[in-house]
Every structure is written in structure tokens, then in C-alpha cells.
Amino acid sequence: MNRQQRRQQKRLKQKSDTVYTLTKEQLDDIVENGVKQAVAEAVTLMFAIPMKVIHDNLEWAPENFYWFADKIEAEYQEFSRGTIKVEEYKKLVSELTGMKFVKE
């Protein structure tokens, strides 16, 4: 391989190794947006999964779903205010169902 071919190969490699420079503010924005997206997904699932289970397995009238959604939302607000902790929910689920939450 001659010198021209080596230089050309080096230039091609450099083009494929793109480097981005971000400021701390830009990085913080990316992280904040990721967290907001994750929270939005979690809240959606927090409402949707119980609703689907109830819909598929119980014969609830539509007004009961509104009541249930209000109760879930109120509970979420209590959690957001710090009135109740995750550990308390884990303990409740464990007592009611025998399920254990395990960290991996």
C-alpha cells in the first residue's frame, strides 16, 4: 500500500469516527428530557395497566373507571408530596399478594 492509499484510508476512518462536543448545559438538557420522557411513560403505565386488567377481567360500568382513575391520581399526588414512600407500597403488595420486589 503506497502513501496515498494510506492517507486516503486514514481520512475515511476519521470520517466514520464522528465526535460531538456538548456543553454541560446541553448535556443537562438531554438528561432532563430523558427523565421527563421516562416519567411520562411510567405515569401512563401506572394508569393503563390496572385499567386494562380491570376492563378485561371485571364487568365495570364506565363511571367506575373514572372513579378508579381519580383514586390512582390522588394516590400518585400523595406519593409526589412524599406522604407515602415506595417501601410502604412494596410492603402493602407483599402483605396482600406475597409478591416480593427484588433489586438486581
PDB file of N, CA and C in Angstrom:
ATOM      1  N   MET A   1       0.867  -1.175   0.000  1.00  0.00           N
ATOM      2  CA  MET A   1       0.000   0.000   0.000  1.00  0.00           C
ATOM      3  C   MET A   1       0.906   1.228   0.000  1.00  0.00           C
ATOM      4  N   ASN A   2       0.670   2.128  -0.940  1.00  0.00           N
ATOM      5  CA  ASN A   2       1.523   3.317  -1.006  1.00  0.00           C
ATOM      6  C   ASN A   2       1.004   4.404  -0.056  1.00  0.00           C
ATOM      7  N   ARG A   3       1.752   5.475   0.017  1.00  0.00           N
ATOM      8  CA  ARG A   3       1.456   6.557   0.950  1.00  0.00           C
ATOM      9  C   ARG A   3       0.095   7.195   0.658  1.00  0.00           C
ATOM     10  N   GLN A   4      -0.233   7.384  -0.591  1.00  0.00           N
ATOM     11  CA  GLN A   4      -1.520   7.989  -0.960  1.00  0.00           C
ATOM     12  C   GLN A   4      -2.682   7.118  -0.483  1.00  0.00           C
ATOM     13  N   GLN A   5      -2.571   5.816  -0.654  1.00  0.00           N
ATOM     14  CA  GLN A   5      -3.628   4.906  -0.229  1.00  0.00           C
ATOM     15  C   GLN A   5      -3.766   4.900   1.296  1.00  0.00           C
ATOM     16  N   ARG A   6      -2.636   4.959   2.010  1.00  0.00           N
ATOM     17  CA  ARG A   6      -2.691   5.001   3.484  1.00  0.00           C
ATOM     18  C   ARG A   6      -3.369   6.274   3.966  1.00  0.00           C
ATOM     19  N   ARG A   7      -3.041   7.398   3.350  1.00  0.00           N
ATOM     20  CA  ARG A   7      -3.667   8.672   3.729  1.00  0.00           C
ATOM     21  C   ARG A   7      -5.172   8.648   3.441  1.00  0.00           C
ATOM     22  N   GLN A   8      -5.527   8.119   2.297  1.00  0.00           N
ATOM     23  CA  GLN A   8      -6.936   8.026   1.935  1.00  0.00           C
ATOM     24  C   GLN A   8      -7.687   7.131   2.926  1.00  0.00           C
ATOM     25  N   GLN A   9      -7.090   6.021   3.295  1.00  0.00           N
ATOM     26  CA  GLN A   9      -7.705   5.112   4.258  1.00  0.00           C
ATOM     27  C   GLN A   9      -7.848   5.789   5.624  1.00  0.00           C
ATOM     28  N   LYS A  10      -6.847   6.559   6.018  1.00  0.00           N
ATOM     29  CA  LYS A  10      -6.896   7.277   7.295  1.00  0.00           C
ATOM     30  C   LYS A  10      -8.029   8.311   7.280  1.00  0.00           C
ATOM     31  N   ARG A  11      -8.165   9.042   6.146  1.00  0.00           N
ATOM     32  CA  ARG A  11      -9.246  10.041   6.041  1.00  0.00           C
ATOM     33  C   ARG A  11     -10.625   9.381   6.128  1.00  0.00           C
ATOM     34  N   LEU A  12     -10.792   8.237   5.479  1.00  0.00           N
ATOM     35  CA  LEU A  12     -12.067   7.518   5.526  1.00  0.00           C
ATOM     36  C   LEU A  12     -12.388   7.077   6.944  1.00  0.00           C
ATOM     37  N   LYS A  13     -11.385   6.616   7.672  1.00  0.00           N
ATOM     38  CA  LYS A  13     -11.588   6.177   9.061  1.00  0.00           C
ATOM     39  C   LYS A  13     -11.979   7.366   9.927  1.00  0.00           C
ATOM     40  N   GLN A  14     -11.320   8.515   9.710  1.00  0.00           N
ATOM     41  CA  GLN A  14     -11.626   9.702  10.502  1.00  0.00           C
ATOM     42  C   GLN A  14     -13.049  10.175  10.245  1.00  0.00           C
ATOM     43  N   LYS A  15     -13.538  10.051   9.029  1.00  0.00           N
ATOM     44  CA  LYS A  15     -14.910  10.453   8.717  1.00  0.00           C
ATOM     45  C   LYS A  15     -15.923   9.585   9.457  1.00  0.00           C
ATOM     46  N   SER A  16     -15.619   8.323   9.644  1.00  0.00           N
ATOM     47  CA  SER A  16     -16.565   7.435  10.308  1.00  0.00           C
ATOM     48  C   SER A  16     -16.535   7.587  11.826  1.00  0.00           C
ATOM     49  N   ASP A  17     -15.470   8.161  12.360  1.00  0.00           N
ATOM     50  CA  ASP A  17     -15.347   8.377  13.808  1.00  0.00           C
ATOM     51  C   ASP A  17     -15.767   9.803  14.155  1.00  0.00           C
ATOM     52  N   THR A  18     -17.068  10.087  14.053  1.00  0.00           N
ATOM     53  CA  THR A  18     -17.580  11.421  14.320  1.00  0.00           C
ATOM     54  C   THR A  18     -17.590  11.687  15.809  1.00  0.00           C
ATOM     55  N   VAL A  19     -17.113  12.846  16.181  1.00  0.00           N
ATOM     56  CA  VAL A  19     -17.058  13.249  17.583  1.00  0.00           C
ATOM     57  C   VAL A  19     -17.930  14.484  17.751  1.00  0.00           C
ATOM     58  N   TYR A  20     -18.767  14.473  18.781  1.00  0.00           N
ATOM     59  CA  TYR A  20     -19.626  15.609  19.079  1.00  0.00           C
ATOM     60  C   TYR A  20     -19.149  16.257  20.366  1.00  0.00           C
ATOM     61  N   THR A  21     -19.193  17.564  20.404  1.00  0.00           N
ATOM     62  CA  THR A  21     -18.830  18.299  21.604  1.00  0.00           C
ATOM     63  C   THR A  21     -20.087  18.958  22.138  1.00  0.00           C
ATOM     64  N   LEU A  22     -20.383  18.670  23.403  1.00  0.00           N
ATOM     65  CA  LEU A  22     -21.575  19.232  24.042  1.00  0.00           C
ATOM     66  C   LEU A  22     -21.160  20.057  25.248  1.00  0.00           C
ATOM     67  N   THR A  23     -21.901  21.114  25.490  1.00  0.00           N
ATOM     68  CA  THR A  23     -21.678  21.875  26.709  1.00  0.00           C
ATOM     69  C   THR A  23     -22.397  21.160  27.854  1.00  0.00           C
ATOM     70  N   LYS A  24     -22.062  21.542  29.077  1.00  0.00           N
ATOM     71  CA  LYS A  24     -22.727  20.947  30.241  1.00  0.00           C
ATOM     72  C   LYS A  24     -24.220  21.241  30.196  1.00  0.00           C
ATOM     73  N   GLU A  25     -24.581  22.428  29.751  1.00  0.00           N
ATOM     74  CA  GLU A  25     -25.998  22.803  29.651  1.00  0.00           C
ATOM     75  C   GLU A  25     -26.729  21.907  28.650  1.00  0.00           C
ATOM     76  N   GLN A  26     -26.118  21.642  27.512  1.00  0.00           N
ATOM     77  CA  GLN A  26     -26.734  20.773  26.514  1.00  0.00           C
ATOM     78  C   GLN A  26     -26.887  19.357  27.055  1.00  0.00           C
ATOM     79  N   LEU A  27     -25.868  18.875  27.724  1.00  0.00           N
ATOM     80  CA  LEU A  27     -25.928  17.533  28.313  1.00  0.00           C
ATOM     81  C   LEU A  27     -27.008  17.464  29.384  1.00  0.00           C
ATOM     82  N   ASP A  28     -27.087  18.488  30.225  1.00  0.00           N
ATOM     83  CA  ASP A  28     -28.133  18.534  31.261  1.00  0.00           C
ATOM     84  C   ASP A  28     -29.519  18.526  30.631  1.00  0.00           C
ATOM     85  N   ASP A  29     -29.692  19.259  29.522  1.00  0.00           N
ATOM     86  CA  ASP A  29     -30.983  19.282  28.820  1.00  0.00           C
ATOM     87  C   ASP A  29     -31.347  17.900  28.287  1.00  0.00           C
ATOM     88  N   ILE A  30     -30.360  17.207  27.730  1.00  0.00           N
ATOM     89  CA  ILE A  30     -30.602  15.859  27.214  1.00  0.00           C
ATOM     90  C   ILE A  30     -31.040  14.927  28.340  1.00  0.00           C
ATOM     91  N   VAL A  31     -30.346  15.001  29.471  1.00  0.00           N
ATOM     92  CA  VAL A  31     -30.688  14.147  30.615  1.00  0.00           C
ATOM     93  C   VAL A  31     -32.072  14.506  31.145  1.00  0.00           C
ATOM     94  N   GLU A  32     -32.355  15.799  31.270  1.00  0.00           N
ATOM     95  CA  GLU A  32     -33.657  16.237  31.780  1.00  0.00           C
ATOM     96  C   GLU A  32     -34.795  15.768  30.871  1.00  0.00           C
ATOM     97  N   ASN A  33     -34.598  15.880  29.571  1.00  0.00           N
ATOM     98  CA  ASN A  33     -35.624  15.413  28.633  1.00  0.00           C
ATOM     99  C   ASN A  33     -35.820  13.905  28.737  1.00  0.00           C
ATOM    100  N   GLY A  34     -34.738  13.169  28.926  1.00  0.00           N
ATOM    101  CA  GLY A  34     -34.835  11.721  29.094  1.00  0.00           C
ATOM    102  C   GLY A  34     -35.614  11.359  30.343  1.00  0.00           C
ATOM    103  N   VAL A  35     -35.352  12.079  31.424  1.00  0.00           N
ATOM    104  CA  VAL A  35     -36.064  11.827  32.683  1.00  0.00           C
ATOM    105  C   VAL A  35     -37.540  12.155  32.515  1.00  0.00           C
ATOM    106  N   LYS A  36     -37.846  13.276  31.873  1.00  0.00           N
ATOM    107  CA  LYS A  36     -39.252  13.657  31.664  1.00  0.00           C
ATOM    108  C   LYS A  36     -39.979  12.602  30.842  1.00  0.00           C
ATOM    109  N   GLN A  37     -39.312  12.099  29.812  1.00  0.00           N
ATOM    110  CA  GLN A  37     -39.921  11.058  28.975  1.00  0.00           C
ATOM    111  C   GLN A  37     -40.172   9.789  29.784  1.00  0.00           C
ATOM    112  N   ALA A  38     -39.204   9.401  30.598  1.00  0.00           N
ATOM    113  CA  ALA A  38     -39.349   8.190  31.404  1.00  0.00           C
ATOM    114  C   ALA A  38     -40.488   8.331  32.406  1.00  0.00           C
ATOM    115  N   VAL A  39     -40.596   9.485  33.031  1.00  0.00           N
ATOM    116  CA  VAL A  39     -41.679   9.725  33.996  1.00  0.00           C
ATOM    117  C   VAL A  39     -43.035   9.690  33.291  1.00  0.00           C
ATOM    118  N   ALA A  40     -43.116  10.305  32.114  1.00  0.00           N
ATOM    119  CA  ALA A  40     -44.376  10.301  31.366  1.00  0.00           C
ATOM    120  C   ALA A  40     -44.789   8.874  31.015  1.00  0.00           C
ATOM    121  N   GLU A  41     -43.841   8.053  30.604  1.00  0.00           N
ATOM    122  CA  GLU A  41     -44.133   6.649  30.285  1.00  0.00           C
ATOM    123  C   GLU A  41     -44.577   5.892  31.541  1.00  0.00           C
ATOM    124  N   ALA A  42     -43.898   6.129  32.648  1.00  0.00           N
ATOM    125  CA  ALA A  42     -44.240   5.442  33.896  1.00  0.00           C
ATOM    126  C   ALA A  42     -45.652   5.810  34.359  1.00  0.00           C
ATOM    127  N   VAL A  43     -45.989   7.076  34.278  1.00  0.00           N
ATOM    128  CA  VAL A  43     -47.327   7.518  34.688  1.00  0.00           C
ATOM    129  C   VAL A  43     -48.388   6.910  33.768  1.00  0.00           C
ATOM    130  N   THR A  44     -48.097   6.873  32.477  1.00  0.00           N
ATOM    131  CA  THR A  44     -49.033   6.262  31.527  1.00  0.00           C
ATOM    132  C   THR A  44     -49.285   4.803  31.891  1.00  0.00           C
ATOM    133  N   LEU A  45     -48.201   4.073  32.139  1.00  0.00           N
ATOM    134  CA  LEU A  45     -48.345   2.656  32.502  1.00  0.00           C
ATOM    135  C   LEU A  45     -49.042   2.485  33.846  1.00  0.00           C
ATOM    136  N   MET A  46     -48.767   3.404  34.782  1.00  0.00           N
ATOM    137  CA  MET A  46     -49.389   3.334  36.098  1.00  0.00           C
ATOM    138  C   MET A  46     -50.919   3.392  35.978  1.00  0.00           C
ATOM    139  N   PHE A  47     -51.410   4.167  35.019  1.00  0.00           N
ATOM    140  CA  PHE A  47     -52.849   4.244  34.794  1.00  0.00           C
ATOM    141  C   PHE A  47     -53.344   3.125  33.889  1.00  0.00           C
ATOM    142  N   ALA A  48     -52.627   2.871  32.809  1.00  0.00           N
ATOM    143  CA  ALA A  48     -53.130   1.994  31.757  1.00  0.00           C
ATOM    144  C   ALA A  48     -53.168   0.518  32.142  1.00  0.00           C
ATOM    145  N   ILE A  49     -52.146   0.023  32.801  1.00  0.00           N
ATOM    146  CA  ILE A  49     -52.108  -1.414  33.117  1.00  0.00           C
ATOM    147  C   ILE A  49     -53.250  -1.813  34.050  1.00  0.00           C
ATOM    148  N   PRO A  50     -53.447  -1.129  35.177  1.00  0.00           N
ATOM    149  CA  PRO A  50     -54.597  -1.513  36.025  1.00  0.00           C
ATOM    150  C   PRO A  50     -55.935  -1.368  35.307  1.00  0.00           C
ATOM    151  N   MET A  51     -56.075  -0.320  34.491  1.00  0.00           N
ATOM    152  CA  MET A  51     -57.325  -0.126  33.750  1.00  0.00           C
ATOM    153  C   MET A  51     -57.581  -1.287  32.794  1.00  0.00           C
ATOM    154  N   LYS A  52     -56.541  -1.724  32.094  1.00  0.00           N
ATOM    155  CA  LYS A  52     -56.689  -2.833  31.153  1.00  0.00           C
ATOM    156  C   LYS A  52     -57.055  -4.118  31.875  1.00  0.00           C
ATOM    157  N   VAL A  53     -56.405  -4.391  32.994  1.00  0.00           N
ATOM    158  CA  VAL A  53     -56.700  -5.610  33.760  1.00  0.00           C
ATOM    159  C   VAL A  53     -58.154  -5.592  34.228  1.00  0.00           C
ATOM    160  N   ILE A  54     -58.590  -4.462  34.753  1.00  0.00           N
ATOM    161  CA  ILE A  54     -59.977  -4.349  35.217  1.00  0.00           C
ATOM    162  C   ILE A  54     -60.943  -4.479  34.035  1.00  0.00           C
ATOM    163  N   HIS A  55     -60.643  -3.790  32.950  1.00  0.00           N
ATOM    164  CA  HIS A  55     -61.506  -3.840  31.765  1.00  0.00           C
ATOM    165  C   HIS A  55     -61.648  -5.260  31.225  1.00  0.00           C
ATOM    166  N   ASP A  56     -60.520  -5.975  31.154  1.00  0.00           N
ATOM    167  CA  ASP A  56     -60.523  -7.312  30.565  1.00  0.00           C
ATOM    168  C   ASP A  56     -61.115  -8.382  31.482  1.00  0.00           C
ATOM    169  N   ASN A  57     -61.102  -8.152  32.794  1.00  0.00           N
ATOM    170  CA  ASN A  57     -61.478  -9.222  33.716  1.00  0.00           C
ATOM    171  C   ASN A  57     -62.696  -8.940  34.593  1.00  0.00           C
ATOM    172  N   LEU A  58     -63.112  -7.700  34.678  1.00  0.00           N
ATOM    173  CA  LEU A  58     -64.270  -7.359  35.513  1.00  0.00           C
ATOM    174  C   LEU A  58     -65.296  -6.627  34.657  1.00  0.00           C
ATOM    175  N   GLU A  59     -66.524  -6.724  35.039  1.00  0.00           N
ATOM    176  CA  GLU A  59     -67.586  -6.054  34.288  1.00  0.00           C
ATOM    177  C   GLU A  59     -67.936  -4.734  34.976  1.00  0.00           C
ATOM    178  N   TRP A  60     -67.039  -3.786  34.819  1.00  0.00           N
ATOM    179  CA  TRP A  60     -67.238  -2.479  35.436  1.00  0.00           C
ATOM    180  C   TRP A  60     -68.020  -1.566  34.505  1.00  0.00           C
ATOM    181  N   ALA A  61     -68.845  -0.726  35.103  1.00  0.00           N
ATOM    182  CA  ALA A  61     -69.531   0.322  34.350  1.00  0.00           C
ATOM    183  C   ALA A  61     -68.519   1.440  34.067  1.00  0.00           C
ATOM    184  N   PRO A  62     -68.711   2.181  32.998  1.00  0.00           N
ATOM    185  CA  PRO A  62     -67.756   3.244  32.637  1.00  0.00           C
ATOM    186  C   PRO A  62     -67.480   4.246  33.754  1.00  0.00           C
ATOM    187  N   GLU A  63     -68.505   4.577  34.536  1.00  0.00           N
ATOM    188  CA  GLU A  63     -68.281   5.564  35.612  1.00  0.00           C
ATOM    189  C   GLU A  63     -67.318   5.043  36.677  1.00  0.00           C
ATOM    190  N   ASN A  64     -67.236   3.724  36.836  1.00  0.00           N
ATOM    191  CA  ASN A  64     -66.285   3.161  37.798  1.00  0.00           C
ATOM    192  C   ASN A  64     -64.841   3.386  37.365  1.00  0.00           C
ATOM    193  N   PHE A  65     -64.593   3.426  36.070  1.00  0.00           N
ATOM    194  CA  PHE A  65     -63.250   3.699  35.582  1.00  0.00           C
ATOM    195  C   PHE A  65     -62.829   5.123  35.921  1.00  0.00           C
ATOM    196  N   TYR A  66     -63.771   6.061  35.814  1.00  0.00           N
ATOM    197  CA  TYR A  66     -63.465   7.446  36.190  1.00  0.00           C
ATOM    198  C   TYR A  66     -63.121   7.522  37.672  1.00  0.00           C
ATOM    199  N   TRP A  67     -63.898   6.844  38.490  1.00  0.00           N
ATOM    200  CA  TRP A  67     -63.641   6.815  39.933  1.00  0.00           C
ATOM    201  C   TRP A  67     -62.254   6.228  40.211  1.00  0.00           C
ATOM    202  N   PHE A  68     -61.957   5.110  39.560  1.00  0.00           N
ATOM    203  CA  PHE A  68     -60.678   4.436  39.761  1.00  0.00           C
ATOM    204  C   PHE A  68     -59.510   5.326  39.326  1.00  0.00           C
ATOM    205  N   ALA A  69     -59.652   5.985  38.174  1.00  0.00           N
ATOM    206  CA  ALA A  69     -58.603   6.893  37.689  1.00  0.00           C
ATOM    207  C   ALA A  69     -58.382   8.037  38.667  1.00  0.00           C
ATOM    208  N   ASP A  70     -59.458   8.576  39.232  1.00  0.00           N
ATOM    209  CA  ASP A  70     -59.333   9.644  40.233  1.00  0.00           C
ATOM    210  C   ASP A  70     -58.582   9.160  41.466  1.00  0.00           C
ATOM    211  N   LYS A  71     -58.880   7.937  41.902  1.00  0.00           N
ATOM    212  CA  LYS A  71     -58.204   7.383  43.089  1.00  0.00           C
ATOM    213  C   LYS A  71     -56.711   7.147  42.817  1.00  0.00           C
ATOM    214  N   ILE A  72     -56.386   6.648  41.627  1.00  0.00           N
ATOM    215  CA  ILE A  72     -54.972   6.445  41.279  1.00  0.00           C
ATOM    216  C   ILE A  72     -54.255   7.789  41.234  1.00  0.00           C
ATOM    217  N   GLU A  73     -54.884   8.776  40.625  1.00  0.00           N
ATOM    218  CA  GLU A  73     -54.271  10.100  40.509  1.00  0.00           C
ATOM    219  C   GLU A  73     -54.059  10.719  41.889  1.00  0.00           C
ATOM    220  N   ALA A  74     -55.030  10.567  42.767  1.00  0.00           N
ATOM    221  CA  ALA A  74     -54.893  11.099  44.130  1.00  0.00           C
ATOM    222  C   ALA A  74     -53.753  10.399  44.869  1.00  0.00           C
ATOM    223  N   GLU A  75     -53.628   9.100  44.695  1.00  0.00           N
ATOM    224  CA  GLU A  75     -52.550   8.346  45.340  1.00  0.00           C
ATOM    225  C   GLU A  75     -51.188   8.784  44.809  1.00  0.00           C
ATOM    226  N   TYR A  76     -51.125   9.023  43.501  1.00  0.00           N
ATOM    227  CA  TYR A  76     -49.883   9.498  42.901  1.00  0.00           C
ATOM    228  C   TYR A  76     -49.502  10.865  43.462  1.00  0.00           C
ATOM    229  N   GLN A  77     -50.486  11.725  43.661  1.00  0.00           N
ATOM    230  CA  GLN A  77     -50.218  13.042  44.247  1.00  0.00           C
ATOM    231  C   GLN A  77     -49.676  12.903  45.669  1.00  0.00           C
ATOM    232  N   GLU A  78     -50.233  11.977  46.438  1.00  0.00           N
ATOM    233  CA  GLU A  78     -49.730  11.728  47.800  1.00  0.00           C
ATOM    234  C   GLU A  78     -48.274  11.281  47.750  1.00  0.00           C
ATOM    235  N   PHE A  79     -47.965  10.394  46.816  1.00  0.00           N
ATOM    236  CA  PHE A  79     -46.590   9.925  46.659  1.00  0.00           C
ATOM    237  C   PHE A  79     -45.671  11.081  46.256  1.00  0.00           C
ATOM    238  N   SER A  80     -46.130  11.923  45.334  1.00  0.00           N
ATOM    239  CA  SER A  80     -45.333  13.060  44.873  1.00  0.00           C
ATOM    240  C   SER A  80     -45.030  14.038  45.999  1.00  0.00           C
ATOM    241  N   ARG A  81     -45.963  14.183  46.918  1.00  0.00           N
ATOM    242  CA  ARG A  81     -45.768  15.067  48.066  1.00  0.00           C
ATOM    243  C   ARG A  81     -44.890  14.431  49.145  1.00  0.00           C
ATOM    244  N   GLY A  82     -44.619  13.145  49.010  1.00  0.00           N
ATOM    245  CA  GLY A  82     -43.780  12.470  49.994  1.00  0.00           C
ATOM    246  C   GLY A  82     -44.545  11.916  51.179  1.00  0.00           C
ATOM    247  N   THR A  83     -45.872  11.925  51.099  1.00  0.00           N
ATOM    248  CA  THR A  83     -46.704  11.424  52.186  1.00  0.00           C
ATOM    249  C   THR A  83     -46.532   9.918  52.368  1.00  0.00           C
ATOM    250  N   ILE A  84     -46.315   9.220  51.276  1.00  0.00           N
ATOM    251  CA  ILE A  84     -46.130   7.777  51.326  1.00  0.00           C
ATOM    252  C   ILE A  84     -44.894   7.429  50.494  1.00  0.00           C
ATOM    253  N   LYS A  85     -44.149   6.445  50.931  1.00  0.00           N
ATOM    254  CA  LYS A  85     -42.881   6.069  50.290  1.00  0.00           C
ATOM    255  C   LYS A  85     -43.044   4.762  49.500  1.00  0.00           C
ATOM    256  N   VAL A  86     -42.125   4.544  48.578  1.00  0.00           N
ATOM    257  CA  VAL A  86     -42.130   3.335  47.757  1.00  0.00           C
ATOM    258  C   VAL A  86     -42.088   2.090  48.645  1.00  0.00           C
ATOM    259  N   GLU A  87     -41.302   2.131  49.690  1.00  0.00           N
ATOM    260  CA  GLU A  87     -41.186   0.973  50.589  1.00  0.00           C
ATOM    261  C   GLU A  87     -42.535   0.591  51.186  1.00  0.00           C
ATOM    262  N   GLU A  88     -43.364   1.582  51.463  1.00  0.00           N
ATOM    263  CA  GLU A  88     -44.694   1.292  52.008  1.00  0.00           C
ATOM    264  C   GLU A  88     -45.577   0.582  50.973  1.00  0.00           C
ATOM    265  N   TYR A  89     -45.462   0.983  49.718  1.00  0.00           N
ATOM    266  CA  TYR A  89     -46.211   0.297  48.653  1.00  0.00           C
ATOM    267  C   TYR A  89     -45.718  -1.136  48.494  1.00  0.00           C
ATOM    268  N   LYS A  90     -44.396  -1.310  48.538  1.00  0.00           N
ATOM    269  CA  LYS A  90     -43.835  -2.660  48.420  1.00  0.00           C
ATOM    270  C   LYS A  90     -44.330  -3.554  49.546  1.00  0.00           C
ATOM    271  N   LYS A  91     -44.356  -3.014  50.758  1.00  0.00           N
ATOM    272  CA  LYS A  91     -44.817  -3.779  51.917  1.00  0.00           C
ATOM    273  C   LYS A  91     -46.292  -4.157  51.762  1.00  0.00           C
ATOM    274  N   LEU A  92     -47.107  -3.205  51.300  1.00  0.00           N
ATOM    275  CA  LEU A  92     -48.535  -3.459  51.098  1.00  0.00           C
ATOM    276  C   LEU A  92     -48.754  -4.574  50.079  1.00  0.00           C
ATOM    277  N   VAL A  93     -48.058  -4.478  48.940  1.00  0.00           N
ATOM    278  CA  VAL A  93     -48.197  -5.506  47.897  1.00  0.00           C
ATOM    279  C   VAL A  93     -47.749  -6.857  48.431  1.00  0.00           C
ATOM    280  N   SER A  94     -46.664  -6.869  49.184  1.00  0.00           N
ATOM    281  CA  SER A  94     -46.154  -8.116  49.756  1.00  0.00           C
ATOM    282  C   SER A  94     -47.163  -8.733  50.720  1.00  0.00           C
ATOM    283  N   GLU A  95     -47.771  -7.908  51.558  1.00  0.00           N
ATOM    284  CA  GLU A  95     -48.757  -8.398  52.522  1.00  0.00           C
ATOM    285  C   GLU A  95     -50.020  -8.925  51.822  1.00  0.00           C
ATOM    286  N   LEU A  96     -50.444  -8.235  50.774  1.00  0.00           N
ATOM    287  CA  LEU A  96     -51.680  -8.617  50.098  1.00  0.00           C
ATOM    288  C   LEU A  96     -51.516  -9.813  49.168  1.00  0.00           C
ATOM    289  N   THR A  97     -50.352  -9.917  48.528  1.00  0.00           N
ATOM    290  CA  THR A  97     -50.180 -10.941  47.482  1.00  0.00           C
ATOM    291  C   THR A  97     -49.049 -11.924  47.721  1.00  0.00           C
ATOM    292  N   GLY A  98     -48.153 -11.583  48.625  1.00  0.00           N
ATOM    293  CA  GLY A  98     -46.978 -12.438  48.834  1.00  0.00           C
ATOM    294  C   GLY A  98     -45.859 -12.166  47.843  1.00  0.00           C
ATOM    295  N   MET A  99     -46.071 -11.227  46.921  1.00  0.00           N
ATOM    296  CA  MET A  99     -45.032 -10.871  45.951  1.00  0.00           C
ATOM    297  C   MET A  99     -43.917 -10.092  46.635  1.00  0.00           C
ATOM    298  N   LYS A 100     -42.703 -10.369  46.199  1.00  0.00           N
ATOM    299  CA  LYS A 100     -41.534  -9.635  46.713  1.00  0.00           C
ATOM    300  C   LYS A 100     -40.895  -8.891  45.543  1.00  0.00           C
ATOM    301  N   PHE A 101     -40.449  -7.673  45.792  1.00  0.00           N
ATOM    302  CA  PHE A 101     -39.709  -6.904  44.797  1.00  0.00           C
ATOM    303  C   PHE A 101     -38.235  -7.099  45.060  1.00  0.00           C
ATOM    304  N   VAL A 102     -37.510  -7.494  44.008  1.00  0.00           N
ATOM    305  CA  VAL A 102     -36.096  -7.810  44.152  1.00  0.00           C
ATOM    306  C   VAL A 102     -35.274  -6.866  43.280  1.00  0.00           C
ATOM    307  N   LYS A 103     -34.211  -6.314  43.861  1.00  0.00           N
ATOM    308  CA  LYS A 103     -33.298  -5.477  43.072  1.00  0.00           C
ATOM    309  C   LYS A 103     -32.263  -6.393  42.441  1.00  0.00           C
ATOM    310  N   GLU A 104     -31.952  -6.126  41.186  1.00  0.00           N
ATOM    311  CA  GLU A 104     -30.918  -6.913  40.509  1.00  0.00           C
ATOM    312  C   GLU A 104     -29.737  -6.065  40.191  1.00  0.00           C
TER     313      GLU A 104
END
